[in-house]
Amino acid sequence: TLVELLVVASIFAMLFGMIALGSRPNPRGQVRLAAQQLASLLLATQTRALGSNAGAGLLFEPSGMGGRQCVTVYNANLPPYLEGTATGMPPATLSATTATVTVTPTTGTAADLQNGYRIQFSKKGQNTQPAGAWMGFMPSSTVTLRTLDGQTASNTIWPKPVGGGNMDVRVACYPTAGSTALSLPKGAAIDLQYSGGDNPNNAWGNLANKGFIGLVYDALGGLDTLMQQVTSTPALRTIQPCQPTGPFYLFVVSQAELNNLTASTLASDQSLWVVVHPQTGRVTVSSNLPQTTASATTINAARKNARNGVPIGK
């Protein structure tokens, strides 16, 4: 009868409605899935680095207005060290914070020096000298103290070749983007504005509009290097790569909240923190304790809670 057909039609309409509702991405679930996938990727990358002289790393691609969000992470292709010789050490003024050197590569080419970011001096053969501390390098001839890693004129001695002449060097270079390591679930993103190191006011406290962000593990599984502007031209690489001594935070959020100019991801209880502990490489996922404002004080408070390991769902 007509009544029976209407009843059957209404039942099917209800079922299709339930299916359609169930197929819609759940923002909270997508954020949680993204954080878990990101944590797994970081641990897998650390595992690849163990025992490898080259280490292993990831590159985080910025997108959106102001380069604030990241939805794609790439494996980092880590180039071998450039090896060669250098003249110009030590600088005439030993209290200087920079020195000008002439580097002659014996592996690679002089053009490869444009991608160098740190340099290490030694002396082989007669008058052998062991490798010294890594120092900063700005292409193609400037050596700097690694101030972000605590090097100062008071605690760092410039290399000096025994017997004069050249010194042997090796130069570490920025990586390139390899294969896609992770595409975050639809509806989730890393909020680079609140990602970074412990202090929101320093060069590493906010990763928005900093180009590709690089993260490299060493052979022992610790965080070896963090980098900004990895794929940019040398002129944009104004912030030295650093070796973190404090936790590194990645803030995973709802993309809808991130794109809503009237909302704050820091105030959302959907947001999650993925925290990398530098010496051990240990990764934890913690709930965000919502903050009513976005200031250095409240960002630090949120990160402190994340560092202490606030369980998901609390």
Protein backbone atom coordinates (compact mmCIF):
# COMPACT_ATOMS: atom_id res chain seq x y z
CA THR A 1 0.00 0.00 0.00
CA LEU A 2 0.97 3.65 -0.25
CA VAL A 3 1.38 3.91 3.52
CA GLU A 4 3.76 0.94 3.58
CA LEU A 5 5.82 2.44 0.74
CA LEU A 6 6.06 5.74 2.61
CA VAL A 7 7.21 3.92 5.77
CA VAL A 8 9.89 2.00 3.83
CA ALA A 9 11.02 5.20 2.08
CA SER A 10 11.31 7.03 5.39
CA ILE A 11 13.37 4.18 6.88
CA PHE A 12 15.77 4.24 3.91
CA ALA A 13 15.99 8.03 4.11
CA MET A 14 16.91 7.76 7.79
CA LEU A 15 19.54 5.08 7.07
CA PHE A 16 21.13 7.10 4.27
CA GLY A 17 21.16 10.13 6.55
CA MET A 18 22.96 8.16 9.26
CA ILE A 19 25.51 6.88 6.72
CA ALA A 20 26.12 10.40 5.41
CA LEU A 21 26.52 11.73 8.94
CA GLY A 22 28.94 8.94 9.82
CA SER A 23 31.06 9.62 6.74
CA ARG A 24 31.70 13.22 7.73
CA PRO A 25 35.15 13.68 9.24
CA ASN A 26 35.01 14.23 12.99
CA PRO A 27 37.31 17.19 13.75
CA ARG A 28 38.38 15.90 17.16
CA GLY A 29 39.02 12.43 15.79
CA GLN A 30 40.98 13.80 12.82
CA VAL A 31 43.20 15.89 15.10
CA ARG A 32 43.86 12.90 17.35
CA LEU A 33 44.64 10.67 14.36
CA ALA A 34 47.00 13.32 12.94
CA ALA A 35 48.86 13.66 16.24
CA GLN A 36 49.24 9.90 16.56
CA GLN A 37 50.47 9.56 12.97
CA LEU A 38 52.93 12.41 13.47
CA ALA A 39 54.27 10.86 16.68
CA SER A 40 54.69 7.50 14.93
CA LEU A 41 56.53 9.16 12.04
CA LEU A 42 58.93 10.94 14.40
CA LEU A 43 59.72 7.68 16.20
CA ALA A 44 60.21 5.84 12.90
CA THR A 45 62.60 8.57 11.73
CA GLN A 46 64.54 8.32 14.98
CA THR A 47 64.82 4.56 14.47
CA ARG A 48 66.21 5.08 10.95
CA ALA A 49 68.82 7.45 12.36
CA LEU A 50 70.15 5.01 14.97
CA GLY A 51 73.62 3.82 14.02
CA SER A 52 73.66 5.86 10.80
CA ASN A 53 76.50 8.33 10.33
CA ALA A 54 74.20 10.53 8.26
CA GLY A 55 71.31 10.42 10.72
CA ALA A 56 67.76 10.87 9.42
CA GLY A 57 65.39 13.79 9.18
CA LEU A 58 62.07 15.31 8.15
CA LEU A 59 61.01 18.51 6.40
CA PHE A 60 57.77 20.30 7.30
CA GLU A 61 56.20 22.20 4.40
CA PRO A 62 54.44 25.49 5.26
CA SER A 63 51.19 26.46 3.55
CA GLY A 64 48.25 28.79 3.94
CA MET A 65 48.21 32.49 4.68
CA GLY A 66 51.40 33.59 6.40
CA GLY A 67 52.94 30.13 6.08
CA ARG A 68 51.24 29.23 9.34
CA GLN A 69 50.05 25.69 8.73
CA CYS A 70 51.64 22.42 7.68
CA VAL A 71 49.73 19.46 6.27
CA THR A 72 52.56 17.64 4.46
CA VAL A 73 55.81 16.25 5.87
CA TYR A 74 58.67 14.97 3.69
CA ASN A 75 61.59 12.68 4.30
CA ALA A 76 64.82 14.69 4.26
CA ASN A 77 67.57 13.77 1.81
CA LEU A 78 70.69 14.42 3.86
CA PRO A 79 73.71 15.13 1.64
CA PRO A 80 77.16 13.86 2.65
CA TYR A 81 79.57 16.34 4.17
CA LEU A 82 81.54 18.48 1.75
CA GLU A 83 85.23 17.90 2.43
CA GLY A 84 88.10 20.17 1.53
CA THR A 85 90.71 22.58 2.81
CA ALA A 86 90.50 26.13 4.13
CA THR A 87 92.76 29.08 4.78
CA GLY A 88 92.10 32.11 6.95
CA MET A 89 92.14 30.59 10.42
CA PRO A 90 92.38 31.95 13.01
CA PRO A 91 91.01 35.49 12.49
CA ALA A 92 93.40 38.36 13.18
CA THR A 93 91.30 39.35 16.20
CA LEU A 94 90.79 36.32 18.42
CA SER A 95 87.85 37.94 20.22
CA ALA A 96 85.97 38.27 16.91
CA THR A 97 82.67 36.43 16.48
CA THR A 98 83.13 35.87 12.73
CA ALA A 99 86.02 34.97 10.46
CA THR A 100 86.52 35.00 6.70
CA VAL A 101 87.95 31.84 5.16
CA THR A 102 88.60 30.47 1.70
CA VAL A 103 87.22 26.95 1.37
CA THR A 104 88.39 24.73 -1.48
CA PRO A 105 86.20 21.61 -1.75
CA THR A 106 87.83 18.30 -2.62
CA THR A 107 84.42 16.60 -2.78
CA GLY A 108 81.53 18.33 -4.50
CA THR A 109 81.95 21.77 -6.05
CA ALA A 110 82.36 25.34 -4.89
CA ALA A 111 78.69 25.93 -5.80
CA ASP A 112 77.67 23.34 -3.20
CA LEU A 113 79.00 25.64 -0.48
CA GLN A 114 75.90 27.82 -1.01
CA ASN A 115 73.96 25.21 0.96
CA GLY A 116 76.43 24.88 3.82
CA TYR A 117 75.35 25.78 7.36
CA ARG A 118 78.13 24.57 9.67
CA ILE A 119 81.81 23.76 9.37
CA GLN A 120 84.38 21.72 11.31
CA PHE A 121 88.16 22.16 11.21
CA SER A 122 90.92 19.57 11.66
CA LYS A 123 94.42 18.83 10.36
CA LYS A 124 95.45 15.58 8.71
CA GLY A 125 98.88 14.18 8.00
CA GLN A 126 101.89 15.90 9.55
CA ASN A 127 101.02 18.08 12.56
CA THR A 128 97.72 16.24 12.93
CA GLN A 129 94.99 18.07 14.83
CA PRO A 130 91.72 16.40 15.90
CA ALA A 131 88.42 17.79 14.71
CA GLY A 132 87.26 20.76 16.74
CA ALA A 133 83.74 21.89 17.59
CA TRP A 134 81.29 22.55 14.82
CA MET A 135 81.02 26.24 13.97
CA GLY A 136 78.45 28.18 11.99
CA PHE A 137 78.96 28.73 8.27
CA MET A 138 77.43 31.39 6.02
CA PRO A 139 78.12 30.85 2.32
CA SER A 140 80.50 31.02 0.92
CA SER A 141 83.28 32.25 3.18
CA THR A 142 82.06 33.33 6.62
CA VAL A 143 82.57 31.24 9.75
CA THR A 144 80.54 32.26 12.79
CA LEU A 145 80.17 31.25 16.40
CA ARG A 146 77.05 29.17 16.94
CA THR A 147 75.49 31.64 19.34
CA LEU A 148 72.15 29.80 19.51
CA ASP A 149 74.08 26.77 20.78
CA GLY A 150 75.93 28.77 23.42
CA GLN A 151 79.22 29.50 21.65
CA THR A 152 80.74 32.85 22.66
CA ALA A 153 84.12 34.53 22.30
CA SER A 154 84.72 33.67 25.96
CA ASN A 155 84.17 29.91 25.73
CA THR A 156 85.14 29.09 22.13
CA ILE A 157 88.66 28.99 20.70
CA TRP A 158 89.17 29.62 16.99
CA PRO A 159 91.00 26.80 15.16
CA LYS A 160 94.71 27.42 14.54
CA PRO A 161 96.74 25.17 12.22
CA VAL A 162 99.88 23.77 13.84
CA GLY A 163 102.79 24.79 11.65
CA GLY A 164 100.59 27.21 9.69
CA GLY A 165 99.08 26.62 6.27
CA ASN A 166 95.77 25.05 5.38
CA MET A 167 93.32 23.25 7.60
CA ASP A 168 91.11 20.36 6.59
CA VAL A 169 87.38 20.99 6.81
CA ARG A 170 84.06 19.33 6.39
CA VAL A 171 80.89 21.32 5.75
CA ALA A 172 77.37 20.17 6.63
CA CYS A 173 74.76 21.20 4.06
CA TYR A 174 71.01 21.73 4.15
CA PRO A 175 68.95 18.70 3.10
CA THR A 176 66.49 18.52 0.23
CA ALA A 177 62.92 17.25 0.22
CA GLY A 178 62.55 13.58 -0.60
CA SER A 179 59.46 11.41 -0.70
CA THR A 180 56.28 12.33 1.14
CA ALA A 181 56.47 10.90 4.65
CA LEU A 182 53.02 11.98 5.87
CA SER A 183 49.96 13.80 4.59
CA LEU A 184 47.91 14.75 7.62
CA PRO A 185 44.27 13.59 7.71
CA LYS A 186 41.83 15.99 6.08
CA GLY A 187 40.67 18.57 8.59
CA ALA A 188 43.87 18.55 10.67
CA ALA A 189 47.04 20.63 10.44
CA ILE A 190 50.15 21.60 12.38
CA ASP A 191 49.81 25.18 13.62
CA LEU A 192 53.32 26.52 13.08
CA GLN A 193 52.58 29.75 14.93
CA TYR A 194 52.53 27.94 18.27
CA SER A 195 55.06 25.24 17.34
CA GLY A 196 58.75 25.56 18.15
CA GLY A 197 61.03 25.70 21.17
CA ASP A 198 60.55 26.70 24.79
CA ASN A 199 60.70 30.49 24.43
CA PRO A 200 58.00 31.99 22.16
CA ASN A 201 59.99 35.23 21.95
CA ASN A 202 63.19 33.86 20.40
CA ALA A 203 63.99 32.84 16.85
CA TRP A 204 62.81 29.28 17.41
CA GLY A 205 59.70 30.00 19.47
CA ASN A 206 57.41 30.50 16.47
CA LEU A 207 57.78 28.61 13.19
CA ALA A 208 55.21 30.48 11.09
CA ASN A 209 56.53 32.08 7.90
CA LYS A 210 59.96 30.46 8.36
CA GLY A 211 59.94 28.37 5.18
CA PHE A 212 60.50 24.61 5.25
CA ILE A 213 61.39 23.49 8.77
CA GLY A 214 64.00 20.74 9.07
CA LEU A 215 64.40 18.29 11.94
CA VAL A 216 67.38 15.90 11.98
CA TYR A 217 68.15 13.05 14.40
CA ASP A 218 71.72 11.93 15.08
CA ALA A 219 73.09 8.39 15.19
CA LEU A 220 72.26 8.13 18.91
CA GLY A 221 68.63 9.04 18.40
CA GLY A 222 68.77 12.55 19.84
CA LEU A 223 67.74 15.74 18.07
CA ASP A 224 70.85 16.92 16.26
CA THR A 225 69.65 19.94 14.30
CA LEU A 226 66.62 22.15 13.73
CA MET A 227 66.61 24.32 10.60
CA GLN A 228 64.53 27.11 9.08
CA GLN A 229 64.23 28.15 5.41
CA VAL A 230 65.68 24.78 4.38
CA THR A 231 64.75 25.04 0.70
CA SER A 232 65.07 28.84 0.45
CA THR A 233 67.88 30.90 -1.06
CA PRO A 234 70.93 31.58 1.13
CA ALA A 235 69.86 35.22 1.55
CA LEU A 236 66.77 34.11 3.50
CA ARG A 237 68.66 31.79 5.84
CA THR A 238 69.30 34.44 8.45
CA ILE A 239 68.61 32.23 11.49
CA GLN A 240 71.32 29.73 12.38
CA PRO A 241 70.34 26.07 12.57
CA CYS A 242 70.59 24.95 16.18
CA GLN A 243 70.91 21.87 18.33
CA PRO A 244 67.98 22.04 20.76
CA THR A 245 68.54 21.64 24.48
CA GLY A 246 64.85 21.87 25.38
CA PRO A 247 61.73 20.13 24.08
CA PHE A 248 60.48 20.77 20.56
CA TYR A 249 56.72 21.27 20.23
CA LEU A 250 54.43 20.58 17.28
CA PHE A 251 50.87 21.87 17.78
CA VAL A 252 48.28 19.75 15.96
CA VAL A 253 44.92 21.48 15.48
CA SER A 254 41.62 21.51 13.63
CA GLN A 255 42.14 23.11 10.23
CA ALA A 256 38.69 24.71 10.46
CA GLU A 257 39.65 26.41 13.73
CA LEU A 258 43.00 27.43 12.29
CA ASN A 259 41.34 29.08 9.29
CA ASN A 260 38.69 30.78 11.43
CA LEU A 261 39.98 34.30 12.05
CA THR A 262 37.72 34.69 15.08
CA ALA A 263 38.88 31.47 16.78
CA SER A 264 42.12 30.61 18.54
CA THR A 265 43.61 27.14 18.29
CA LEU A 266 45.34 27.80 21.61
CA ALA A 267 41.90 28.14 23.24
CA SER A 268 40.62 24.86 21.80
CA ASP A 269 40.31 21.64 23.75
CA GLN A 270 40.52 19.75 20.44
CA SER A 271 44.15 20.78 19.88
CA LEU A 272 46.98 18.40 20.80
CA TRP A 273 50.70 18.81 21.46
CA VAL A 274 53.32 16.45 20.04
CA VAL A 275 56.49 16.93 22.08
CA VAL A 276 59.98 15.74 21.08
CA HIS A 277 62.45 15.49 23.95
CA PRO A 278 65.88 16.43 22.57
CA GLN A 279 68.42 14.16 24.27
CA THR A 280 66.43 10.94 24.07
CA GLY A 281 64.23 11.71 21.07
CA ARG A 282 61.25 10.45 23.09
CA VAL A 283 57.91 11.59 21.67
CA THR A 284 54.77 12.25 23.70
CA VAL A 285 51.26 13.38 22.75
CA SER A 286 49.40 15.59 25.21
CA SER A 287 46.09 17.41 25.41
CA ASN A 288 46.03 21.16 25.12
CA LEU A 289 44.81 22.95 28.23
CA PRO A 290 42.90 25.84 26.64
CA GLN A 291 44.31 29.34 27.10
CA THR A 292 42.03 32.38 26.99
CA THR A 293 44.65 34.61 25.35
CA ALA A 294 47.67 34.12 23.11
CA SER A 295 50.75 35.65 24.72
CA ALA A 296 54.24 34.45 25.55
CA THR A 297 53.03 33.68 29.07
CA THR A 298 50.04 31.60 27.99
CA ILE A 299 51.99 29.79 25.26
CA ASN A 300 54.61 28.86 27.84
CA ALA A 301 51.87 27.68 30.19
CA ALA A 302 50.34 25.48 27.49
CA ARG A 303 53.74 24.05 26.56
CA LYS A 304 54.58 23.37 30.21
CA ASN A 305 51.40 21.35 30.56
CA ALA A 306 52.24 19.47 27.36
CA ARG A 307 55.80 18.82 28.55
CA ASN A 308 54.44 17.34 31.77
CA GLY A 309 52.33 14.97 29.72
CA VAL A 310 48.66 15.93 30.05
CA PRO A 311 46.77 12.77 28.98
CA ILE A 312 44.51 12.95 25.94
CA GLY A 313 40.93 13.53 27.01
CA LYS A 314 41.81 15.42 30.19
